[in-house]
Every structure is written in C-alpha cells, then in structure tokens.
Protein backbone atom coordinates (compact mmCIF):
# COMPACT_ATOMS: atom_id res chain seq x y z
CA UNK A 1 20.89 42.25 -48.23
CA UNK A 2 17.31 41.58 -48.64
CA UNK A 3 16.57 45.34 -49.90
CA UNK A 4 19.29 44.37 -52.90
CA UNK A 5 17.06 43.59 -55.91
CA UNK A 6 17.66 42.95 -59.46
CA UNK A 7 14.69 45.16 -60.81
CA UNK A 8 15.12 44.10 -64.63
CA UNK A 9 17.13 41.89 -66.81
CA UNK A 10 17.34 43.15 -71.00
CA UNK A 11 17.66 39.20 -71.83
CA UNK A 12 19.02 40.14 -75.37
CA UNK A 13 21.40 42.49 -74.46
CA UNK A 14 22.33 40.23 -71.91
CA UNK A 15 22.99 37.60 -74.69
CA UNK A 16 25.04 40.41 -76.86
CA UNK A 17 27.26 40.89 -73.89
CA UNK A 18 27.81 37.69 -72.92
CA UNK A 19 28.29 36.45 -76.65
CA UNK A 20 30.99 39.36 -77.28
CA UNK A 21 32.63 38.57 -73.73
CA UNK A 22 32.65 34.61 -75.16
CA UNK A 23 33.99 36.13 -78.85
CA UNK A 24 37.06 38.07 -76.96
CA UNK A 25 38.29 34.71 -75.68
CA UNK A 26 38.86 33.44 -79.34
CA UNK A 27 40.25 37.34 -81.02
CA UNK A 28 43.93 36.15 -80.37
CA UNK A 29 43.27 33.24 -82.47
CA UNK A 30 41.38 35.24 -84.80
CA UNK A 31 43.58 38.72 -85.15
CA UNK A 32 47.08 38.46 -84.05
CA UNK A 33 50.33 40.49 -84.87
CA UNK A 34 50.95 37.40 -87.41
CA UNK A 35 48.13 37.87 -89.67
CA UNK A 36 48.57 41.74 -89.61
CA UNK A 37 52.09 41.32 -90.49
CA UNK A 38 53.23 44.54 -88.14
CA UNK A 39 56.90 42.97 -87.63
CA UNK A 40 57.35 42.64 -91.38
CA UNK A 41 56.24 46.19 -92.16
CA UNK A 42 58.62 47.23 -89.67
CA UNK A 43 61.31 44.97 -91.17
CA UNK A 44 60.55 47.09 -94.19
CA UNK A 45 61.03 50.39 -92.51
CA UNK A 46 64.73 49.22 -91.32
CA UNK A 47 65.43 48.07 -94.62
CA UNK A 48 64.52 51.05 -96.23
CA UNK A 49 64.68 53.64 -93.30
CA UNK A 50 61.47 54.96 -94.35
CA UNK A 51 59.71 56.43 -91.61
CA UNK A 52 56.12 56.65 -92.97
CA UNK A 53 56.62 52.39 -92.39
CA UNK A 54 56.56 53.21 -88.76
CA UNK A 55 53.68 55.35 -88.83
CA UNK A 56 51.84 52.40 -90.69
CA UNK A 57 53.00 49.92 -88.05
CA UNK A 58 51.83 51.56 -85.37
CA UNK A 59 48.44 52.44 -87.01
CA UNK A 60 48.23 48.21 -87.60
CA UNK A 61 48.69 47.85 -84.16
CA UNK A 62 46.26 50.36 -83.06
CA UNK A 63 43.80 48.17 -85.11
CA UNK A 64 44.55 44.89 -83.80
CA UNK A 65 44.36 46.08 -79.98
CA UNK A 66 41.37 47.67 -80.99
CA UNK A 67 39.69 44.97 -82.48
CA UNK A 68 40.81 42.32 -79.51
CA UNK A 69 39.70 44.55 -77.02
CA UNK A 70 36.28 46.08 -78.68
CA UNK A 71 34.12 42.62 -78.06
CA UNK A 72 35.33 42.35 -73.92
CA UNK A 73 34.86 46.08 -73.51
CA UNK A 74 31.43 46.48 -75.65
CA UNK A 75 30.31 42.88 -74.11
CA UNK A 76 30.77 44.25 -70.76
CA UNK A 77 29.44 47.42 -70.95
CA UNK A 78 26.02 45.24 -72.60
CA UNK A 79 26.11 43.26 -69.90
CA UNK A 80 25.92 46.45 -67.30
CA UNK A 81 23.28 47.79 -69.78
CA UNK A 82 21.34 45.13 -69.65
CA UNK A 83 20.71 44.22 -65.47
CA UNK A 84 18.99 47.13 -63.52
CA UNK A 85 19.47 46.55 -59.81
CA UNK A 86 17.66 48.47 -57.03
CA UNK A 87 18.46 49.10 -53.04
CA UNK A 88 15.32 49.66 -50.96
CA UNK A 89 13.25 50.82 -54.10
CA UNK A 90 16.21 52.99 -55.03
CA UNK A 91 18.22 52.14 -58.62
CA UNK A 92 21.83 51.21 -57.75
CA UNK A 93 24.97 51.90 -61.08
CA UNK A 94 27.35 51.49 -58.82
CA UNK A 95 27.08 47.78 -58.93
CA UNK A 96 26.41 47.94 -62.48
CA UNK A 97 29.68 49.70 -62.60
CA UNK A 98 31.28 46.91 -60.33
CA UNK A 99 30.15 44.02 -62.60
CA UNK A 100 32.10 46.09 -65.42
CA UNK A 101 35.03 46.49 -63.38
CA UNK A 102 34.87 42.92 -62.22
CA UNK A 103 34.42 41.35 -65.95
CA UNK A 104 37.18 43.02 -67.95
CA UNK A 105 40.17 41.97 -65.46
CA UNK A 106 38.66 38.17 -65.73
CA UNK A 107 38.59 38.05 -69.77
CA UNK A 108 42.76 39.46 -69.55
CA UNK A 109 43.01 36.82 -66.80
CA UNK A 110 41.55 33.87 -68.99
CA UNK A 111 43.36 35.17 -72.25
CA UNK A 112 46.62 34.72 -70.43
CA UNK A 113 45.63 31.34 -68.93
CA UNK A 114 44.23 29.88 -72.29
CA UNK A 115 47.28 31.33 -74.83
CA UNK A 116 50.03 32.24 -72.31
CA UNK A 117 50.46 35.92 -73.70
CA UNK A 118 50.10 38.78 -71.85
CA UNK A 119 47.78 41.61 -72.72
CA UNK A 120 48.87 44.63 -70.86
CA UNK A 121 46.69 46.02 -68.26
CA UNK A 122 48.11 49.29 -68.32
CA UNK A 123 46.97 52.90 -68.89
CA UNK A 124 44.38 52.66 -71.75
CA UNK A 125 42.52 49.67 -70.05
CA UNK A 126 42.27 51.40 -66.68
CA UNK A 127 41.09 54.46 -68.32
CA UNK A 128 38.36 52.50 -70.61
CA UNK A 129 37.27 50.75 -67.41
CA UNK A 130 36.89 54.26 -65.87
CA UNK A 131 35.13 55.68 -68.84
CA UNK A 132 32.58 52.74 -68.60
CA UNK A 133 31.83 53.10 -65.14
CA UNK A 134 31.23 57.03 -65.67
CA UNK A 135 28.86 56.36 -68.54
CA UNK A 136 27.04 53.60 -66.24
CA UNK A 137 26.20 56.25 -64.03
CA UNK A 138 25.06 58.71 -66.61
CA UNK A 139 21.49 58.20 -66.92
CA UNK A 140 20.50 57.91 -70.66
CA UNK A 141 18.55 55.16 -70.94
CA UNK A 142 16.26 56.47 -73.48
CA UNK A 143 18.73 56.32 -76.46
CA UNK A 144 19.26 53.63 -78.39
CA UNK A 145 22.19 51.06 -77.25
CA UNK A 146 23.77 51.22 -80.97
CA UNK A 147 24.46 54.65 -80.46
CA UNK A 148 26.13 54.40 -77.05
CA UNK A 149 27.78 51.11 -78.42
CA UNK A 150 29.41 53.48 -81.22
CA UNK A 151 30.72 56.20 -78.58
CA UNK A 152 32.37 53.25 -76.65
CA UNK A 153 33.83 51.53 -79.94
CA UNK A 154 35.15 55.57 -80.70
CA UNK A 155 36.50 55.72 -77.00
CA UNK A 156 38.36 52.54 -77.39
CA UNK A 157 40.34 53.08 -80.74
CA UNK A 158 40.82 56.79 -79.43
CA UNK A 159 42.86 55.44 -76.00
CA UNK A 160 45.05 52.93 -78.24
CA UNK A 161 47.20 55.35 -79.44
CA UNK A 162 47.90 56.06 -76.23
CA UNK A 163 50.23 52.87 -76.67
CA UNK A 164 52.65 53.92 -79.39
CA UNK A 165 52.70 57.67 -78.02
CA UNK A 166 57.06 57.46 -77.62
CA UNK A 167 56.86 60.62 -74.78
CA UNK A 168 54.46 58.71 -72.80
CA UNK A 169 57.12 55.88 -72.21
CA UNK A 170 57.57 57.19 -68.27
CA UNK A 171 53.96 56.57 -67.94
CA UNK A 172 51.79 52.82 -67.58
CA UNK A 173 51.53 53.02 -71.66
CA UNK A 174 52.17 51.04 -74.36
CA UNK A 175 54.14 47.94 -72.22
CA UNK A 176 52.96 45.59 -74.46
CA UNK A 177 56.07 44.03 -76.70
CA UNK A 178 55.12 44.92 -80.22
CA UNK A 179 54.26 48.69 -78.80
CA UNK A 180 57.85 48.67 -77.37
CA UNK A 181 59.60 47.26 -80.33
CA UNK A 182 57.96 49.89 -82.82
CA UNK A 183 59.25 52.85 -80.36
CA UNK A 184 62.64 51.25 -80.32
CA UNK A 185 62.96 51.09 -84.17
CA UNK A 186 61.49 54.53 -83.88
CA UNK A 187 63.71 55.89 -82.18
CA UNK A 188 66.47 54.36 -83.89
CA UNK A 189 64.97 55.81 -86.61
CA UNK A 190 64.69 59.14 -85.49
CA UNK A 191 61.16 59.27 -86.47
CA UNK A 192 59.83 59.57 -82.68
CA UNK A 193 58.48 63.14 -83.33
CA UNK A 194 56.48 61.67 -86.29
CA UNK A 195 55.01 58.81 -84.62
CA UNK A 196 53.98 61.66 -81.78
CA UNK A 197 52.32 63.70 -83.81
CA UNK A 198 50.25 61.43 -85.93
CA UNK A 199 49.31 59.57 -82.62
CA UNK A 200 48.43 62.60 -80.68
CA UNK A 201 46.48 64.32 -83.63
CA UNK A 202 44.69 60.77 -84.26
CA UNK A 203 43.82 60.33 -80.51
CA UNK A 204 42.53 63.96 -80.07
CA UNK A 205 40.33 63.56 -83.25
CA UNK A 206 38.67 60.08 -82.23
CA UNK A 207 38.55 60.76 -78.42
CA UNK A 208 36.87 64.66 -79.09
CA UNK A 209 34.16 62.51 -81.92
CA UNK A 210 33.39 60.11 -78.87
CA UNK A 211 32.96 63.18 -76.20
CA UNK A 212 31.06 64.78 -78.72
CA UNK A 213 28.81 62.13 -79.34
CA UNK A 214 28.36 61.65 -75.53
CA UNK A 215 27.09 65.29 -75.32
CA UNK A 216 24.51 64.37 -78.47
CA UNK A 217 23.42 61.61 -76.71
CA UNK A 218 23.22 63.39 -73.76
CA UNK A 219 21.00 66.05 -75.18
CA UNK A 220 18.96 63.29 -76.79
CA UNK A 221 18.24 61.69 -73.60
CA UNK A 222 17.24 64.75 -71.93
CA UNK A 223 15.14 65.61 -74.80
CA UNK A 224 13.46 62.25 -74.97
CA UNK A 225 12.76 62.59 -71.08
CA UNK A 226 10.98 66.20 -71.68
CA UNK A 227 8.96 64.49 -74.41
CA UNK A 228 7.78 62.27 -71.56
CA UNK A 229 7.29 64.33 -68.84
CA UNK A 230 5.28 66.59 -71.61
CA UNK A 231 3.12 63.52 -72.46
CA UNK A 232 2.64 62.66 -68.61
CA UNK A 233 1.43 66.31 -68.18
CA UNK A 234 -0.68 66.05 -71.07
CA UNK A 235 -2.18 62.85 -69.85
CA UNK A 236 -2.65 63.88 -66.33
CA UNK A 237 -4.42 67.12 -67.34
CA UNK A 238 -6.69 65.26 -69.69
CA UNK A 239 -7.67 62.82 -66.89
CA UNK A 240 -8.23 65.63 -64.31
CA UNK A 241 -10.05 67.56 -67.15
CA UNK A 242 -12.48 64.02 -67.59
CA UNK A 243 -12.76 63.81 -63.79
CA UNK A 244 -14.11 67.73 -63.72
CA UNK A 245 -16.44 67.16 -66.40
CA UNK A 246 -17.37 63.61 -65.12
CA UNK A 247 -17.76 65.53 -61.24
CA UNK A 248 -20.00 68.28 -63.25
CA UNK A 249 -21.93 65.88 -65.11
CA UNK A 250 -22.94 63.96 -61.94
CA UNK A 251 -23.77 67.18 -60.17
CA UNK A 252 -25.87 68.35 -63.24
CA UNK A 253 -27.52 64.68 -63.02
CA UNK A 254 -28.43 64.91 -59.61
CA UNK A 255 -30.11 67.94 -59.71
CA UNK A 256 -31.91 66.23 -62.94
CA UNK A 257 -32.92 62.96 -60.77
CA UNK A 258 -34.41 65.40 -57.62
CA UNK A 259 -36.19 67.46 -60.27
CA UNK A 260 -37.37 64.32 -61.92
CA UNK A 261 -38.80 62.51 -58.65
CA UNK A 262 -40.01 65.13 -57.20
CA UNK A 263 -43.28 65.36 -58.95
CA UNK A 264 -43.11 61.60 -59.73
CA UNK A 265 -43.32 61.03 -56.07
CA UNK A 266 -46.23 63.27 -55.99
CA UNK A 267 -48.23 61.64 -59.25
CA UNK A 268 -47.62 58.07 -57.43
CA UNK A 269 -48.82 59.23 -53.91
CA UNK A 270 -52.04 60.61 -55.89
CA UNK A 271 -52.88 57.20 -57.57
CA UNK A 272 -52.44 55.33 -54.27
CA UNK A 273 -54.50 57.87 -53.21
CA UNK A 274 -57.06 57.51 -55.73
CA UNK A 275 -56.95 53.76 -55.99
CA UNK A 276 -58.08 53.61 -52.40
CA UNK A 277 -61.19 55.23 -53.59
CA UNK A 278 -62.36 52.31 -56.56
CA UNK A 279 -63.85 49.38 -55.62
CA UNK A 280 -62.62 46.08 -55.90
CA UNK A 281 -62.45 44.76 -59.62
CA UNK A 282 -62.75 47.51 -61.13
CA UNK A 283 -61.44 48.45 -64.40
CA UNK A 284 -60.31 51.73 -63.13
CA UNK A 285 -58.63 50.35 -60.56
CA UNK A 286 -56.46 47.94 -63.24
CA UNK A 287 -55.65 51.22 -65.29
CA UNK A 288 -54.47 52.48 -62.09
CA UNK A 289 -52.20 49.61 -60.95
CA UNK A 290 -50.66 49.64 -64.68
CA UNK A 291 -49.87 53.46 -64.14
CA UNK A 292 -48.21 52.97 -60.85
CA UNK A 293 -46.15 49.97 -61.91
CA UNK A 294 -45.07 52.35 -64.71
CA UNK A 295 -44.43 55.24 -62.45
CA UNK A 296 -42.22 52.64 -60.27
CA UNK A 297 -40.37 51.15 -63.49
CA UNK A 298 -39.79 54.74 -64.33
CA UNK A 299 -38.60 56.09 -61.06
CA UNK A 300 -36.11 52.72 -60.70
CA UNK A 301 -34.79 54.10 -64.12
CA UNK A 302 -34.62 57.53 -63.17
CA UNK A 303 -32.65 56.20 -60.22
CA UNK A 304 -30.08 54.16 -62.54
CA UNK A 305 -29.12 57.30 -64.49
CA UNK A 306 -27.57 58.36 -60.93
CA UNK A 307 -26.35 55.11 -59.16
CA UNK A 308 -23.91 53.59 -61.89
CA UNK A 309 -23.87 50.19 -59.67
CA UNK A 310 -27.64 50.07 -59.49
CA UNK A 311 -28.87 47.27 -61.32
CA UNK A 312 -32.47 45.78 -62.56
CA UNK A 313 -33.19 42.32 -63.96
CA UNK A 314 -34.68 42.41 -67.13
CA UNK A 315 -35.63 40.03 -70.30
CA UNK A 316 -33.61 40.83 -73.60
CA UNK A 317 -36.71 41.09 -74.98
CA UNK A 318 -37.54 44.22 -73.02
CA UNK A 319 -33.92 45.74 -73.57
CA UNK A 320 -34.63 45.14 -77.70
CA UNK A 321 -37.87 46.90 -77.36
CA UNK A 322 -35.95 49.76 -75.19
CA UNK A 323 -33.33 50.33 -77.58
CA UNK A 324 -35.48 50.14 -80.83
CA UNK A 325 -37.57 53.02 -79.32
CA UNK A 326 -34.53 54.90 -77.92
CA UNK A 327 -33.13 55.33 -81.76
CA UNK A 328 -36.04 55.20 -83.50
CA UNK A 329 -36.05 59.11 -84.75
CA UNK A 330 -32.23 58.70 -85.42
CA UNK A 331 -31.27 58.79 -88.68
CA UNK A 332 -28.95 55.42 -88.62
CA UNK A 333 -32.57 53.40 -87.55
CA UNK A 334 -33.58 52.23 -90.87
CA UNK A 335 -30.02 50.74 -90.88
CA UNK A 336 -30.51 48.81 -87.73
CA UNK A 337 -32.21 45.64 -87.51
CA UNK A 338 -32.28 43.03 -84.57
CA UNK A 339 -32.22 39.16 -83.98
CA UNK A 340 -32.67 38.04 -80.48
CA UNK A 341 -33.00 34.18 -80.63
CA UNK A 342 -33.36 34.21 -76.21
CA UNK A 343 -36.03 36.67 -75.72
CA UNK A 344 -36.98 35.51 -72.05
CA UNK A 345 -33.91 35.44 -70.66
CA UNK A 346 -32.98 37.69 -68.05
CA UNK A 347 -30.09 39.71 -67.30
CA UNK A 348 -29.31 42.05 -64.49
CA UNK A 349 -27.93 45.41 -65.83
CA UNK A 350 -28.47 49.15 -65.10
CA UNK A 351 -30.55 49.57 -67.52
CA UNK A 352 -29.97 53.03 -68.95
CA UNK A 353 -26.73 52.69 -69.08
CA UNK A 354 -26.53 49.59 -70.55
CA UNK A 355 -28.75 50.64 -73.59
CA UNK A 356 -26.40 53.83 -73.49
CA UNK A 357 -23.40 51.56 -74.56
CA UNK A 358 -25.62 49.77 -77.25
CA UNK A 359 -26.39 53.31 -78.95
CA UNK A 360 -22.72 54.27 -78.78
CA UNK A 361 -21.84 50.74 -80.17
CA UNK A 362 -24.62 51.36 -83.07
CA UNK A 363 -23.39 55.09 -83.72
CA UNK A 364 -19.89 53.83 -83.55
CA UNK A 365 -20.93 51.22 -86.77
CA UNK A 366 -22.79 54.06 -88.15
CA UNK A 367 -19.75 56.21 -88.36
CA UNK A 368 -17.81 53.15 -89.78
CA UNK A 369 -20.07 52.72 -92.66
CA UNK A 370 -18.21 53.50 -95.88
CA UNK A 371 -20.10 56.23 -98.18
CA UNK A 372 -22.00 54.97 -101.57
CA UNK A 373 -22.30 51.49 -99.68
CA UNK A 374 -25.41 50.39 -98.46
CA UNK A 375 -25.17 49.73 -94.55
CA UNK A 376 -25.68 47.46 -92.82
CA UNK A 377 -26.39 47.37 -88.84
CA UNK A 378 -27.14 44.04 -87.08
CA UNK A 379 -27.80 43.78 -83.04
CA UNK A 380 -27.84 39.88 -82.04
CA UNK A 381 -28.44 38.73 -78.96
CA UNK A 382 -27.94 34.83 -77.97
CA UNK A 383 -26.45 32.56 -75.30
CA UNK A 384 -22.93 32.28 -75.35
CA UNK A 385 -22.18 28.60 -76.22
CA UNK A 386 -18.60 28.21 -75.21
CA UNK A 387 -19.34 29.43 -71.87
CA UNK A 388 -21.35 26.91 -69.66
CA UNK A 389 -21.99 29.47 -67.15
CA UNK A 390 -24.48 30.42 -69.50
CA UNK A 391 -23.74 34.27 -70.45
CA UNK A 392 -25.50 35.90 -72.56
CA UNK A 393 -24.37 37.58 -75.96
CA UNK A 394 -24.93 40.82 -77.08
CA UNK A 395 -23.34 41.53 -80.59
CA UNK A 396 -23.19 44.55 -82.68
CA UNK A 397 -21.73 44.03 -86.63
CA UNK A 398 -21.38 46.27 -89.37
CA UNK A 399 -20.26 45.93 -93.08
CA UNK A 400 -18.13 49.45 -92.70
CA UNK A 401 -14.55 50.20 -93.18
CA UNK A 402 -13.09 48.22 -90.18
CA UNK A 403 -10.65 49.46 -87.60
CA UNK A 404 -6.50 49.07 -88.32
CA UNK A 405 -5.14 46.02 -86.21
CA UNK A 406 -2.39 48.43 -84.86
CA UNK A 407 -5.31 50.45 -82.86
CA UNK A 408 -7.53 47.81 -82.00
CA UNK A 409 -6.32 47.44 -78.95
CA UNK A 410 -6.19 51.63 -78.19
CA UNK A 411 -9.95 51.67 -78.87
CA UNK A 412 -10.86 51.21 -75.08
CA UNK A 413 -8.93 54.16 -73.74
CA UNK A 414 -10.14 57.37 -72.24
CA UNK A 415 -9.41 60.29 -75.13
CA UNK A 416 -8.97 57.88 -78.09
CA UNK A 417 -10.75 58.76 -81.43
CA UNK A 418 -10.43 58.90 -85.25
CA UNK A 419 -13.10 61.71 -85.15
CA UNK A 420 -11.76 64.22 -83.38
CA UNK A 421 -14.12 64.18 -80.82
CA UNK A 422 -13.81 63.73 -77.14
CA UNK A 423 -13.08 60.06 -77.70
CA UNK A 424 -15.30 59.05 -74.20
CA UNK A 425 -17.78 56.67 -76.55
CA UNK A 426 -16.22 53.18 -76.25
CA UNK A 427 -14.43 53.87 -73.46
CA UNK A 428 -17.76 54.77 -71.63
CA UNK A 429 -19.11 51.14 -72.97
CA UNK A 430 -15.95 49.17 -71.68
CA UNK A 431 -17.11 51.07 -68.07
CA UNK A 432 -20.50 49.64 -68.14
CA UNK A 433 -19.75 46.25 -69.32
CA UNK A 434 -17.22 46.25 -66.40
CA UNK A 435 -19.66 47.23 -64.37
CA UNK A 436 -22.45 44.99 -65.06
CA UNK A 437 -19.57 41.87 -64.35
CA UNK A 438 -19.55 41.38 -68.02
CA UNK A 439 -16.80 41.41 -71.01
CA UNK A 440 -16.71 43.00 -74.09
CA UNK A 441 -14.15 42.62 -77.24
CA UNK A 442 -13.91 44.10 -80.71
CA UNK A 443 -12.53 42.21 -83.91
CA UNK A 444 -12.43 43.81 -87.10
CA UNK A 445 -11.59 43.27 -90.35
CA UNK A 446 -9.89 46.52 -92.68
CA UNK A 447 -12.38 46.91 -95.37
CA UNK A 448 -15.11 44.54 -94.35
CA UNK A 449 -16.31 45.37 -90.74
CA UNK A 450 -16.13 45.05 -87.07
CA UNK A 451 -18.00 43.26 -84.41
CA UNK A 452 -18.54 44.16 -81.01
CA UNK A 453 -19.20 41.31 -78.48
CA UNK A 454 -20.31 42.01 -75.34
CA UNK A 455 -20.95 38.98 -72.74
CA UNK A 456 -23.51 39.24 -69.61
CA UNK A 457 -24.32 37.12 -67.27
CA UNK A 458 -27.64 35.41 -67.00
CA UNK A 459 -29.74 36.35 -63.96
CA UNK A 460 -29.94 34.18 -61.62
CA UNK A 461 -34.01 34.64 -61.85
CA UNK A 462 -33.52 32.38 -64.75
CA UNK A 463 -33.42 29.49 -62.90
CA UNK A 464 -35.73 30.53 -60.00
C-alpha cells in the first residue's frame, strides 16, 4: 500500500462535491411529493378521465426525482474528479470510481435512516453509478468541469424516465411508491401507450443529448491534448535550436579566442625579452611593464569570453568606465548617465559577460523609450542597505513606456520578446547574473518606466 499515493487534490472541487452531498441529505425536506402536488394531479386525472394529467404527473415525478438525486450524483462526481491517485507513479482511475460507488449507496442509506423513507435503489441508480464509473475512466481532464457536470445532469434526468415506463414493470425500474401509483392509474385509465411513448421519446432525446455532449467533450479534450503536444514540441524545437546556436557560438568563440591569443602570446613574449635588455629604474622599463600588464588584462578578458564561470576582481569604477567606453558610439550613448557612489568597492564577476548584460539592459531601456519624449537612462551603483552581507546594487532605470504586469514574470524566459527578436537579451542577463552569484529583479509601471536591479556580492578583497 506504500506505493499507493494521493497525487493531487483539487480543494475547490472537493469542497463543492462534499457540499452537494450534504445538500442531498436535506433534499427530502426541501422537495417531496407533497409540495410537488403529484397526487393532486393524479386525483384530477381520475376525476376528469383526462390522460394528459397522467403525463403531467409523470413529468413532475421525473423532475422531483432528478432534483433530489442530482446533488449526490454530481457531488460524488466532483469528489471523484477532485482526487487524483497513483500507484507506483501511474494514475489509477478505478480508485476514483470505487469512491463514487461507495458514496452514493451511503447517501441512500443515510436518507433512509434520517427520514424513514426509501429511495428506490434500482435500475436508474445502478445505471447512473455505472456511467459515472465509465466517465471517471475516460480521461478528459483538460475540459472545463462545468461542461462535464451538464453532461452528467442530462444523463441523470434522462434515466429518471425509465421509472415511469409501463413496459419496464418486469425489470428493476419504477419500484418506488409514487412511480407504481402513476403506472397503476395509467393502466386503469388505458393511458399506458401514451405514457410509454412520452417517456421513451423524452428519454432518448435527453440521453442522446448527453451522449452527443460526451462526444463533443472528448473531441475538445483531444484537441486540447494535441495543442499541448504541439506547444511542447515547439518548445523542444526552440530549445534544440537555441542549444545548436549556443554550441555553434561557443565553437566560433573558441576559434576567435585562439586567433586572438596567438599573436597576443607572441607579443607578451617579445615584451618580456625587451624588458630583460632594459636597465633597472629606466622609464622604458616602466612603459614596458604597463604594456605587459595591459596584455595580461586583455588575455584574461579574452579568456572570460570563452569561459562563462571565469571571474576576475574589479572595482565598480572600472566596470562603469568600461561600460561607457563600450557604448560611446551607440545611438543611445547621449541618453545614458551614471552615478556611482561606491567607486572603490570591488566585485568578482566575469567582466566581459557582465558588461554585456548591463548593455543589454540599457538597450532594452532604449527600445522602451516613447517617441517624442525625452529619454533618460540612468545607471546607478550603490551598496544594498537592506542586505547585511553588503551586496553591490547595480540599477538601470528608464522613463520609457513600462512593462505590463501580466508579462513581467515572463521577460526572463528564453525566446520571450516584444520586438519580434530572438528573445535572448533578458534571458542572457538573467543567466549571467546567476552565474556571478547575484540576483536580478525588474519592477515597472506602465507609462512611467522600468527599473532593473542587480545585486552582486562584494569581493572578499574589500575586507583584506
């Protein structure tokens, strides 16, 4: 039994189901033969010898029986739909069906004990239980439950007509006291054929409607499944395409790094040789040392292009200077201004990729600016006062059109874009920030602008 688990419980549907089952225990007080005046109609049919009153009384009895039994049948159906069980990881529908088979007889028993009346647990009840069991075994979980409920109600109403069919007297149908009285009076008045025809016609109309609705629900469920599979395939193909692009990019980067490092290594070797020939405390030696340090820094930066997890310790001032240098020729350069309140604070990041992430955020802000409105993009660097660990806060603010709240949580996903691009910009930013052990958050107000906040841990060298 340890392999049997409750996989999921829909609390809302479970609460509705239990409420309907409890309501069914009150139904004998709310609706009964007396307030439906069925016997008054039967007396009138005998007094007037009008067969139409027999049909009218039968219709009222069908309505009464349907109203009384809809709550516990639909309630049991809701409870079955609300509980999803699995055995060894595989869904098991028969346990839900068993739950329905248990609930309905218990309701019949409780009504008998409370009100001392007998609901006939005959053919219609057994057929309804069998149909509910079949419905539980059919997988149409993607369809709205209200549609399935309407289908069940149609089945319930249609099967109630079996209780008033005179031709089914020999079978376990219509054994209730009122059903029997209607058929006895119908036989006495010679109205059996009329009653049989009316009940059969309405039964087939309603039952056919429920079967047709079941078919439509199955078709809708199949269409939804196909759409889900199609969406999954599209996501998988997009992911594969992005992976292929990434692999190709990495391969090209390896070649590029090799091509860049080969002459750089030669230059570093030549500088080292020239330094050996320079006398100590010579200005030329100082210049050569600066050149060598610049080459070492360039070599590290080239390596950072290829190796995502390679990081170096740099000051925030260095990052801002490098950022402004890289965007100096961009069309939005004049719109960007910076404010760095902690220029000497050091962070450990992959400089090349982190700069690219900041540029992506700036470009995103630039594309969000509204035409005819003076654009303003601000890059702020501060210490995060709310974090005792002393994270460094990088913020990119703009006064653009903003991002609607309904899509704000989706902007970091691969492929998401509002400009018909590949949708890799913000996804790349999110990836880079996480690789540098940071966090990123986007806040926005439509018509006022957006703020992207990046928190990066301080380098331990700040406390050395």
